[in-house]
Amino acid sequence: MSIFRIDSSDKQVFINNTRLMGVQSCNIEQSKEFEEIRSIGNISINDRVLTSNQTTTLSVDFMLCDSNQNDPFFDFQSSGIVSVESFDFNIKDLVGETVLSGAYMTSYNIQGAVGELVKGSVKYECDVLDFNSTGNLTYADQSNDSYNAYQPQDISISTDFSEGVSTSGLCIQNFSIDFNIGRSAVNRMGTRTPRMRYPTLPVNGELSFSVIKNKITGIDLSSLVIDKGLLSIKLNDSQANERQYNISNCSLLSISEGHSLDENATLDFNYTFSINNNNVSVVDA
């Protein structure tokens, strides 16, 4: 007798009614926030009452590819990172459809390394979670998508300031872009669902990368005012498609040099940047 089960081929993730390509994992976490009610003269708890602003956490991991329906945030946002823009997710499988409304991004990460494909992850705080038993998939909905993944050997970094490091002529080993956005729920009196989740300012991000040491001998870090400028990370796939992350107002935080037995010497660079709606952009070519 066959056993009914749901595996990865029977699950699809939609954002704003568009199916995401290259999804590697999708996780939903929901927990109750409540207050305990007690009364004088009673040693036990009388009731537990749900508070407002119940939050569901959604995380999506994806493999970056040349589809324009791949990155859950940058391919769909229209208001920038530091905004109150929200998204709607529909996660479908053979059982039904999970509907997540009012999803606000709280963290974003994209990273690549030698021997690995470029991958990303995004997390959201969601206002409402519903289940629709009629929105299910069937076995006929299983797909065989085709797209080009970005290859790690085609990654380069360029810069326009003295404490920035260009990887031209250097063997880049890995890179990572990461930022988190704290959110404060804004309510109207008499409602339990937030009207919006406002970003908690300031919002800072980190950019780090590692290269094999072959010609960098040192960077002067003694300037009283920390230098800042533009860092651009360019990704090329096997079909000559390009995606470039441009991040301005980057400041160098640290440099570390590592040696180990029978290994190449490496240099690790770590930058920070303050995020507004203009200094982080993604350009496809």
C-alpha atoms as a PDB file:
ATOM      1  CA  MET A   1       0.000   0.000   0.000  1.00  0.00           C
ATOM      2  CA  SER A   2       1.375   3.417  -0.948  1.00  0.00           C
ATOM      3  CA  ILE A   3       1.936   5.984   1.784  1.00  0.00           C
ATOM      4  CA  PHE A   4       0.779   9.553   1.189  1.00  0.00           C
ATOM      5  CA  ARG A   5       3.446  12.098   2.060  1.00  0.00           C
ATOM      6  CA  ILE A   6       4.592  15.546   0.979  1.00  0.00           C
ATOM      7  CA  ASP A   7       8.160  16.039  -0.197  1.00  0.00           C
ATOM      8  CA  SER A   8       9.965  18.991  -1.736  1.00  0.00           C
ATOM      9  CA  SER A   9       8.616  18.318  -5.234  1.00  0.00           C
ATOM     10  CA  ASP A  10       5.071  18.805  -3.912  1.00  0.00           C
ATOM     11  CA  LYS A  11       5.596  22.274  -2.433  1.00  0.00           C
ATOM     12  CA  GLN A  12       5.688  25.671  -4.113  1.00  0.00           C
ATOM     13  CA  VAL A  13       6.233  29.169  -2.712  1.00  0.00           C
ATOM     14  CA  PHE A  14       4.468  32.209  -4.166  1.00  0.00           C
ATOM     15  CA  ILE A  15       5.121  35.851  -3.329  1.00  0.00           C
ATOM     16  CA  ASN A  16       2.519  38.397  -4.447  1.00  0.00           C
ATOM     17  CA  ASN A  17       1.010  35.615  -6.614  1.00  0.00           C
ATOM     18  CA  THR A  18       4.309  34.911  -8.421  1.00  0.00           C
ATOM     19  CA  ARG A  19       6.059  31.581  -7.932  1.00  0.00           C
ATOM     20  CA  LEU A  20       9.616  31.811  -6.612  1.00  0.00           C
ATOM     21  CA  MET A  21      12.351  29.932  -8.461  1.00  0.00           C
ATOM     22  CA  GLY A  22      15.319  28.241  -6.791  1.00  0.00           C
ATOM     23  CA  VAL A  23      13.773  27.898  -3.316  1.00  0.00           C
ATOM     24  CA  GLN A  24      15.850  25.563  -1.161  1.00  0.00           C
ATOM     25  CA  SER A  25      13.826  25.610   2.046  1.00  0.00           C
ATOM     26  CA  CYS A  26      10.836  27.375   3.562  1.00  0.00           C
ATOM     27  CA  ASN A  27       9.996  27.426   7.262  1.00  0.00           C
ATOM     28  CA  ILE A  28       7.041  28.876   9.171  1.00  0.00           C
ATOM     29  CA  GLU A  29       7.100  29.357  12.935  1.00  0.00           C
ATOM     30  CA  GLN A  30       4.115  30.506  14.944  1.00  0.00           C
ATOM     31  CA  SER A  31       3.900  30.917  18.706  1.00  0.00           C
ATOM     32  CA  LYS A  32       1.301  32.528  20.958  1.00  0.00           C
ATOM     33  CA  GLU A  33       2.095  35.740  22.804  1.00  0.00           C
ATOM     34  CA  PHE A  34      -0.156  36.052  25.843  1.00  0.00           C
ATOM     35  CA  GLU A  35      -0.667  37.646  29.247  1.00  0.00           C
ATOM     36  CA  GLU A  36      -1.513  35.695  32.361  1.00  0.00           C
ATOM     37  CA  ILE A  37      -4.459  36.866  34.457  1.00  0.00           C
ATOM     38  CA  ARG A  38      -4.463  36.372  38.204  1.00  0.00           C
ATOM     39  CA  SER A  39      -6.601  37.759  41.002  1.00  0.00           C
ATOM     40  CA  ILE A  40      -5.935  38.667  44.626  1.00  0.00           C
ATOM     41  CA  GLY A  41      -6.525  35.720  46.886  1.00  0.00           C
ATOM     42  CA  ASN A  42      -5.884  33.144  44.177  1.00  0.00           C
ATOM     43  CA  ILE A  43      -2.481  31.454  43.869  1.00  0.00           C
ATOM     44  CA  SER A  44      -3.174  29.997  40.437  1.00  0.00           C
ATOM     45  CA  ILE A  45      -3.602  31.621  37.020  1.00  0.00           C
ATOM     46  CA  ASN A  46      -7.225  32.277  36.079  1.00  0.00           C
ATOM     47  CA  ASP A  47      -6.803  32.767  32.321  1.00  0.00           C
ATOM     48  CA  ARG A  48      -4.305  33.375  29.577  1.00  0.00           C
ATOM     49  CA  VAL A  49      -5.296  36.050  27.047  1.00  0.00           C
ATOM     50  CA  LEU A  50      -3.684  36.599  23.656  1.00  0.00           C
ATOM     51  CA  THR A  51      -1.999  39.953  23.225  1.00  0.00           C
ATOM     52  CA  SER A  52      -2.173  42.061  20.079  1.00  0.00           C
ATOM     53  CA  ASN A  53       0.526  41.918  17.398  1.00  0.00           C
ATOM     54  CA  GLN A  54       0.654  38.133  17.124  1.00  0.00           C
ATOM     55  CA  THR A  55       3.624  37.389  14.874  1.00  0.00           C
ATOM     56  CA  THR A  56       4.393  34.524  12.525  1.00  0.00           C
ATOM     57  CA  THR A  57       8.009  34.144  11.374  1.00  0.00           C
ATOM     58  CA  LEU A  58       8.722  33.052   7.803  1.00  0.00           C
ATOM     59  CA  SER A  59      12.193  32.172   6.491  1.00  0.00           C
ATOM     60  CA  VAL A  60      13.049  31.363   2.881  1.00  0.00           C
ATOM     61  CA  ASP A  61      16.405  30.020   1.665  1.00  0.00           C
ATOM     62  CA  PHE A  62      17.131  30.235  -2.054  1.00  0.00           C
ATOM     63  CA  MET A  63      19.814  29.567  -4.656  1.00  0.00           C
ATOM     64  CA  LEU A  64      20.570  32.682  -6.667  1.00  0.00           C
ATOM     65  CA  CYS A  65      19.928  32.202 -10.385  1.00  0.00           C
ATOM     66  CA  ASP A  66      19.331  34.308 -13.477  1.00  0.00           C
ATOM     67  CA  SER A  67      15.534  34.209 -13.190  1.00  0.00           C
ATOM     68  CA  ASN A  68      13.953  37.587 -12.435  1.00  0.00           C
ATOM     69  CA  GLN A  69      11.576  35.802 -10.042  1.00  0.00           C
ATOM     70  CA  ASN A  70      14.216  34.394  -7.735  1.00  0.00           C
ATOM     71  CA  ASP A  71      15.248  36.791  -4.966  1.00  0.00           C
ATOM     72  CA  PRO A  72      12.291  37.066  -2.529  1.00  0.00           C
ATOM     73  CA  PHE A  73      13.118  40.662  -1.653  1.00  0.00           C
ATOM     74  CA  PHE A  74      15.144  42.527  -4.284  1.00  0.00           C
ATOM     75  CA  ASP A  75      13.217  41.082  -7.239  1.00  0.00           C
ATOM     76  CA  PHE A  76       9.860  42.164  -5.771  1.00  0.00           C
ATOM     77  CA  GLN A  77      10.379  45.250  -3.577  1.00  0.00           C
ATOM     78  CA  SER A  78       9.413  48.703  -4.810  1.00  0.00           C
ATOM     79  CA  SER A  79       9.947  50.925  -1.734  1.00  0.00           C
ATOM     80  CA  GLY A  80      13.495  50.115  -0.621  1.00  0.00           C
ATOM     81  CA  ILE A  81      14.916  48.320   2.386  1.00  0.00           C
ATOM     82  CA  VAL A  82      14.030  50.814   5.115  1.00  0.00           C
ATOM     83  CA  SER A  83      10.297  50.997   4.442  1.00  0.00           C
ATOM     84  CA  VAL A  84       6.952  49.667   5.611  1.00  0.00           C
ATOM     85  CA  GLU A  85       6.406  47.684   2.419  1.00  0.00           C
ATOM     86  CA  SER A  86       4.870  44.261   3.078  1.00  0.00           C
ATOM     87  CA  PHE A  87       4.401  41.158   0.960  1.00  0.00           C
ATOM     88  CA  ASP A  88       1.910  38.312   0.720  1.00  0.00           C
ATOM     89  CA  PHE A  89       3.088  34.697   0.575  1.00  0.00           C
ATOM     90  CA  ASN A  90       1.165  31.607  -0.504  1.00  0.00           C
ATOM     91  CA  ILE A  91       2.836  28.305   0.293  1.00  0.00           C
ATOM     92  CA  LYS A  92       1.088  25.448  -1.464  1.00  0.00           C
ATOM     93  CA  ASP A  93       1.376  21.664  -1.166  1.00  0.00           C
ATOM     94  CA  LEU A  94      -0.818  18.610  -1.727  1.00  0.00           C
ATOM     95  CA  VAL A  95      -2.806  19.272   1.460  1.00  0.00           C
ATOM     96  CA  GLY A  96      -3.706  22.918   0.957  1.00  0.00           C
ATOM     97  CA  GLU A  97      -2.420  26.453   0.947  1.00  0.00           C
ATOM     98  CA  THR A  98      -0.846  28.433   3.792  1.00  0.00           C
ATOM     99  CA  VAL A  99      -1.488  32.153   3.332  1.00  0.00           C
ATOM    100  CA  LEU A 100       0.808  34.663   5.050  1.00  0.00           C
ATOM    101  CA  SER A 101      -0.317  38.285   4.845  1.00  0.00           C
ATOM    102  CA  GLY A 102       1.576  41.405   5.844  1.00  0.00           C
ATOM    103  CA  ALA A 103       5.096  39.944   5.637  1.00  0.00           C
ATOM    104  CA  TYR A 104       7.767  42.529   6.544  1.00  0.00           C
ATOM    105  CA  MET A 105      11.421  41.711   5.892  1.00  0.00           C
ATOM    106  CA  THR A 106      13.571  41.534   9.040  1.00  0.00           C
ATOM    107  CA  SER A 107      16.837  40.051   7.728  1.00  0.00           C
ATOM    108  CA  TYR A 108      18.621  39.378   4.449  1.00  0.00           C
ATOM    109  CA  ASN A 109      21.778  37.462   3.609  1.00  0.00           C
ATOM    110  CA  ILE A 110      23.525  36.571   0.354  1.00  0.00           C
ATOM    111  CA  GLN A 111      26.794  34.641   0.247  1.00  0.00           C
ATOM    112  CA  GLY A 112      29.042  32.636  -2.020  1.00  0.00           C
ATOM    113  CA  ALA A 113      32.276  30.686  -1.684  1.00  0.00           C
ATOM    114  CA  VAL A 114      34.709  28.705  -3.802  1.00  0.00           C
ATOM    115  CA  GLY A 115      33.157  25.348  -4.654  1.00  0.00           C
ATOM    116  CA  GLU A 116      29.646  26.491  -3.728  1.00  0.00           C
ATOM    117  CA  LEU A 117      26.787  28.196  -5.549  1.00  0.00           C
ATOM    118  CA  VAL A 118      25.636  31.654  -4.459  1.00  0.00           C
ATOM    119  CA  LYS A 119      22.830  31.293  -1.934  1.00  0.00           C
ATOM    120  CA  GLY A 120      20.647  33.616   0.096  1.00  0.00           C
ATOM    121  CA  SER A 121      18.169  33.680   2.934  1.00  0.00           C
ATOM    122  CA  VAL A 122      15.402  36.090   3.917  1.00  0.00           C
ATOM    123  CA  LYS A 123      13.270  36.304   7.059  1.00  0.00           C
ATOM    124  CA  TYR A 124       9.943  38.041   7.574  1.00  0.00           C
ATOM    125  CA  GLU A 125       7.570  38.969  10.373  1.00  0.00           C
ATOM    126  CA  CYS A 126       4.004  38.282   9.235  1.00  0.00           C
ATOM    127  CA  ASP A 127       0.751  39.726  10.575  1.00  0.00           C
ATOM    128  CA  VAL A 128      -1.745  37.030   9.630  1.00  0.00           C
ATOM    129  CA  LEU A 129      -1.561  33.290   8.938  1.00  0.00           C
ATOM    130  CA  ASP A 130      -4.481  31.426   7.349  1.00  0.00           C
ATOM    131  CA  PHE A 131      -4.950  27.968   5.867  1.00  0.00           C
ATOM    132  CA  ASN A 132      -6.958  27.316   2.729  1.00  0.00           C
ATOM    133  CA  SER A 133      -7.807  23.664   2.099  1.00  0.00           C
ATOM    134  CA  THR A 134      -8.982  24.376  -1.464  1.00  0.00           C
ATOM    135  CA  GLY A 135      -5.741  25.933  -2.743  1.00  0.00           C
ATOM    136  CA  ASN A 136      -3.797  22.689  -2.839  1.00  0.00           C
ATOM    137  CA  LEU A 137      -1.474  21.433  -5.575  1.00  0.00           C
ATOM    138  CA  THR A 138      -1.802  18.160  -7.443  1.00  0.00           C
ATOM    139  CA  TYR A 139       0.892  15.772  -8.671  1.00  0.00           C
ATOM    140  CA  ALA A 140       0.430  17.325 -12.116  1.00  0.00           C
ATOM    141  CA  ASP A 141       1.778  20.635 -10.731  1.00  0.00           C
ATOM    142  CA  GLN A 142       5.252  19.188 -10.210  1.00  0.00           C
ATOM    143  CA  SER A 143       7.678  21.198 -12.330  1.00  0.00           C
ATOM    144  CA  ASN A 144      11.094  20.818 -13.884  1.00  0.00           C
ATOM    145  CA  ASP A 145      12.437  24.384 -13.864  1.00  0.00           C
ATOM    146  CA  SER A 146      15.491  25.348 -15.881  1.00  0.00           C
ATOM    147  CA  TYR A 147      17.746  28.292 -15.042  1.00  0.00           C
ATOM    148  CA  ASN A 148      21.417  29.240 -14.732  1.00  0.00           C
ATOM    149  CA  ALA A 149      23.005  29.474 -11.299  1.00  0.00           C
ATOM    150  CA  TYR A 150      25.705  32.046 -10.569  1.00  0.00           C
ATOM    151  CA  GLN A 151      29.114  30.402 -10.450  1.00  0.00           C
ATOM    152  CA  PRO A 152      31.544  31.278  -7.639  1.00  0.00           C
ATOM    153  CA  GLN A 153      34.564  31.622  -9.949  1.00  0.00           C
ATOM    154  CA  ASP A 154      32.865  34.578 -11.660  1.00  0.00           C
ATOM    155  CA  ILE A 155      32.651  36.904  -8.646  1.00  0.00           C
ATOM    156  CA  SER A 156      34.573  40.190  -8.441  1.00  0.00           C
ATOM    157  CA  ILE A 157      34.634  43.193  -6.097  1.00  0.00           C
ATOM    158  CA  SER A 158      35.425  46.780  -7.083  1.00  0.00           C
ATOM    159  CA  THR A 159      35.658  49.963  -5.038  1.00  0.00           C
ATOM    160  CA  ASP A 160      36.170  53.727  -5.260  1.00  0.00           C
ATOM    161  CA  PHE A 161      37.795  54.671  -1.908  1.00  0.00           C
ATOM    162  CA  SER A 162      41.214  54.212  -0.329  1.00  0.00           C
ATOM    163  CA  GLU A 163      40.186  51.697   2.346  1.00  0.00           C
ATOM    164  CA  GLY A 164      38.169  49.691  -0.132  1.00  0.00           C
ATOM    165  CA  VAL A 165      39.769  46.620  -1.681  1.00  0.00           C
ATOM    166  CA  SER A 166      39.303  45.558  -5.284  1.00  0.00           C
ATOM    167  CA  THR A 167      39.665  41.843  -6.026  1.00  0.00           C
ATOM    168  CA  SER A 168      41.123  42.481  -9.488  1.00  0.00           C
ATOM    169  CA  GLY A 169      44.164  40.222  -9.607  1.00  0.00           C
ATOM    170  CA  LEU A 170      43.207  38.580  -6.304  1.00  0.00           C
ATOM    171  CA  CYS A 171      41.656  35.155  -5.773  1.00  0.00           C
ATOM    172  CA  ILE A 172      38.435  35.825  -3.882  1.00  0.00           C
ATOM    173  CA  GLN A 173      37.472  32.882  -1.666  1.00  0.00           C
ATOM    174  CA  ASN A 174      34.103  33.976  -0.304  1.00  0.00           C
ATOM    175  CA  PHE A 175      31.822  36.933   0.280  1.00  0.00           C
ATOM    176  CA  SER A 176      28.778  37.721   2.380  1.00  0.00           C
ATOM    177  CA  ILE A 177      26.275  40.596   2.589  1.00  0.00           C
ATOM    178  CA  ASP A 178      24.096  40.629   5.679  1.00  0.00           C
ATOM    179  CA  PHE A 179      21.686  43.046   7.364  1.00  0.00           C
ATOM    180  CA  ASN A 180      18.927  42.907   9.962  1.00  0.00           C
ATOM    181  CA  ILE A 181      15.960  45.226  10.394  1.00  0.00           C
ATOM    182  CA  GLY A 182      14.282  45.484  13.771  1.00  0.00           C
ATOM    183  CA  ARG A 183      10.558  46.214  13.540  1.00  0.00           C
ATOM    184  CA  SER A 184       8.138  47.987  15.909  1.00  0.00           C
ATOM    185  CA  ALA A 185       4.452  47.272  15.475  1.00  0.00           C
ATOM    186  CA  VAL A 186       2.221  50.337  15.044  1.00  0.00           C
ATOM    187  CA  ASN A 187      -1.419  49.803  16.044  1.00  0.00           C
ATOM    188  CA  ARG A 188      -4.704  51.585  15.944  1.00  0.00           C
ATOM    189  CA  MET A 189      -6.778  51.517  19.110  1.00  0.00           C
ATOM    190  CA  GLY A 190      -9.290  48.672  18.975  1.00  0.00           C
ATOM    191  CA  THR A 191      -7.379  46.501  16.507  1.00  0.00           C
ATOM    192  CA  ARG A 192      -5.191  43.487  17.215  1.00  0.00           C
ATOM    193  CA  THR A 193      -3.385  43.387  13.871  1.00  0.00           C
ATOM    194  CA  PRO A 194      -0.645  46.024  13.359  1.00  0.00           C
ATOM    195  CA  ARG A 195      -1.313  48.719  10.821  1.00  0.00           C
ATOM    196  CA  MET A 196       2.388  48.532   9.929  1.00  0.00           C
ATOM    197  CA  ARG A 197       5.702  47.313  11.315  1.00  0.00           C
ATOM    198  CA  TYR A 198       7.994  50.318  11.332  1.00  0.00           C
ATOM    199  CA  PRO A 199      11.781  49.837  10.954  1.00  0.00           C
ATOM    200  CA  THR A 200      13.810  50.476  14.092  1.00  0.00           C
ATOM    201  CA  LEU A 201      16.529  52.956  13.108  1.00  0.00           C
ATOM    202  CA  PRO A 202      19.422  53.052  12.490  1.00  0.00           C
ATOM    203  CA  VAL A 203      19.789  49.975  10.274  1.00  0.00           C
ATOM    204  CA  ASN A 204      23.325  48.740   9.668  1.00  0.00           C
ATOM    205  CA  GLY A 205      24.648  45.962   7.473  1.00  0.00           C
ATOM    206  CA  GLU A 206      27.882  44.044   7.104  1.00  0.00           C
ATOM    207  CA  LEU A 207      29.862  43.077   4.029  1.00  0.00           C
ATOM    208  CA  SER A 208      32.775  40.668   4.336  1.00  0.00           C
ATOM    209  CA  PHE A 209      35.027  38.783   1.957  1.00  0.00           C
ATOM    210  CA  SER A 210      38.220  36.754   1.967  1.00  0.00           C
ATOM    211  CA  VAL A 211      41.039  36.645  -0.595  1.00  0.00           C
ATOM    212  CA  ILE A 212      44.269  34.699  -1.007  1.00  0.00           C
ATOM    213  CA  LYS A 213      47.155  37.001  -0.124  1.00  0.00           C
ATOM    214  CA  ASN A 214      49.443  37.730  -3.045  1.00  0.00           C
ATOM    215  CA  LYS A 215      50.095  41.469  -3.229  1.00  0.00           C
ATOM    216  CA  ILE A 216      48.271  43.414  -0.469  1.00  0.00           C
ATOM    217  CA  THR A 217      50.901  44.557   2.045  1.00  0.00           C
ATOM    218  CA  GLY A 218      48.870  46.807   4.311  1.00  0.00           C
ATOM    219  CA  ILE A 219      46.210  49.506   4.581  1.00  0.00           C
ATOM    220  CA  ASP A 220      46.589  52.637   6.687  1.00  0.00           C
ATOM    221  CA  LEU A 221      43.899  52.531   9.378  1.00  0.00           C
ATOM    222  CA  SER A 222      45.099  55.536  11.390  1.00  0.00           C
ATOM    223  CA  SER A 223      42.753  58.179   9.921  1.00  0.00           C
ATOM    224  CA  LEU A 224      40.687  59.836  12.666  1.00  0.00           C
ATOM    225  CA  VAL A 225      37.639  60.055  10.373  1.00  0.00           C
ATOM    226  CA  ILE A 226      36.931  56.590   9.006  1.00  0.00           C
ATOM    227  CA  ASP A 227      36.989  56.496   5.230  1.00  0.00           C
ATOM    228  CA  LYS A 228      33.853  55.395   3.390  1.00  0.00           C
ATOM    229  CA  GLY A 229      32.823  54.739  -0.174  1.00  0.00           C
ATOM    230  CA  LEU A 230      31.261  52.387  -2.697  1.00  0.00           C
ATOM    231  CA  LEU A 231      31.799  48.623  -2.861  1.00  0.00           C
ATOM    232  CA  SER A 232      30.332  46.677  -5.767  1.00  0.00           C
ATOM    233  CA  ILE A 233      30.059  42.886  -5.977  1.00  0.00           C
ATOM    234  CA  LYS A 234      29.554  41.565  -9.503  1.00  0.00           C
ATOM    235  CA  LEU A 235      28.266  38.049 -10.155  1.00  0.00           C
ATOM    236  CA  ASN A 236      28.426  36.409 -13.593  1.00  0.00           C
ATOM    237  CA  ASP A 237      26.743  33.155 -14.532  1.00  0.00           C
ATOM    238  CA  SER A 238      27.722  30.755 -17.285  1.00  0.00           C
ATOM    239  CA  GLN A 239      25.522  32.563 -19.836  1.00  0.00           C
ATOM    240  CA  ALA A 240      27.166  35.986 -19.317  1.00  0.00           C
ATOM    241  CA  ASN A 241      24.240  37.308 -17.268  1.00  0.00           C
ATOM    242  CA  GLU A 242      25.304  39.700 -14.517  1.00  0.00           C
ATOM    243  CA  ARG A 243      23.971  40.719 -11.127  1.00  0.00           C
ATOM    244  CA  GLN A 244      25.725  43.506  -9.276  1.00  0.00           C
ATOM    245  CA  TYR A 245      25.204  44.592  -5.668  1.00  0.00           C
ATOM    246  CA  ASN A 246      26.179  48.252  -5.197  1.00  0.00           C
ATOM    247  CA  ILE A 247      26.631  49.353  -1.585  1.00  0.00           C
ATOM    248  CA  SER A 248      27.688  52.918  -0.792  1.00  0.00           C
ATOM    249  CA  ASN A 249      28.864  54.437   2.504  1.00  0.00           C
ATOM    250  CA  CYS A 250      30.898  51.321   3.355  1.00  0.00           C
ATOM    251  CA  SER A 251      33.544  51.697   6.074  1.00  0.00           C
ATOM    252  CA  LEU A 252      36.317  49.221   6.790  1.00  0.00           C
ATOM    253  CA  LEU A 253      36.010  47.722  10.279  1.00  0.00           C
ATOM    254  CA  SER A 254      38.697  45.065  10.433  1.00  0.00           C
ATOM    255  CA  ILE A 255      41.357  43.133   8.544  1.00  0.00           C
ATOM    256  CA  SER A 256      42.656  39.770   9.639  1.00  0.00           C
ATOM    257  CA  GLU A 257      45.423  37.662   8.163  1.00  0.00           C
ATOM    258  CA  GLY A 258      45.545  33.911   8.584  1.00  0.00           C
ATOM    259  CA  HIS A 259      48.193  31.252   8.002  1.00  0.00           C
ATOM    260  CA  SER A 260      48.041  27.537   8.657  1.00  0.00           C
ATOM    261  CA  LEU A 261      50.207  24.562   7.790  1.00  0.00           C
ATOM    262  CA  ASP A 262      50.164  23.670   4.073  1.00  0.00           C
ATOM    263  CA  GLU A 263      47.520  26.341   3.334  1.00  0.00           C
ATOM    264  CA  ASN A 264      47.576  29.642   1.456  1.00  0.00           C
ATOM    265  CA  ALA A 265      47.783  32.870   3.418  1.00  0.00           C
ATOM    266  CA  THR A 266      44.402  34.630   3.408  1.00  0.00           C
ATOM    267  CA  LEU A 267      43.163  38.129   4.177  1.00  0.00           C
ATOM    268  CA  ASP A 268      39.683  38.689   5.597  1.00  0.00           C
ATOM    269  CA  PHE A 269      38.006  42.096   5.208  1.00  0.00           C
ATOM    270  CA  ASN A 270      34.945  43.226   7.126  1.00  0.00           C
ATOM    271  CA  TYR A 271      32.986  46.399   6.249  1.00  0.00           C
ATOM    272  CA  THR A 272      29.943  48.047   7.748  1.00  0.00           C
ATOM    273  CA  PHE A 273      27.364  50.259   6.060  1.00  0.00           C
ATOM    274  CA  SER A 274      24.379  52.249   7.262  1.00  0.00           C
ATOM    275  CA  ILE A 275      21.276  51.468   5.229  1.00  0.00           C
ATOM    276  CA  ASN A 276      18.865  53.946   3.688  1.00  0.00           C
ATOM    277  CA  ASN A 277      16.648  53.545   0.642  1.00  0.00           C
ATOM    278  CA  ASN A 278      19.329  54.737  -1.785  1.00  0.00           C
ATOM    279  CA  ASN A 279      22.668  53.213  -0.821  1.00  0.00           C
ATOM    280  CA  VAL A 280      21.950  49.515  -1.507  1.00  0.00           C
ATOM    281  CA  SER A 281      20.918  48.586  -5.025  1.00  0.00           C
ATOM    282  CA  VAL A 282      20.871  45.523  -7.267  1.00  0.00           C
ATOM    283  CA  VAL A 283      21.457  45.829 -11.023  1.00  0.00           C
ATOM    284  CA  ASP A 284      20.908  43.015 -13.524  1.00  0.00           C
ATOM    285  CA  ALA A 285      22.413  42.981 -17.007  1.00  0.00           C
END
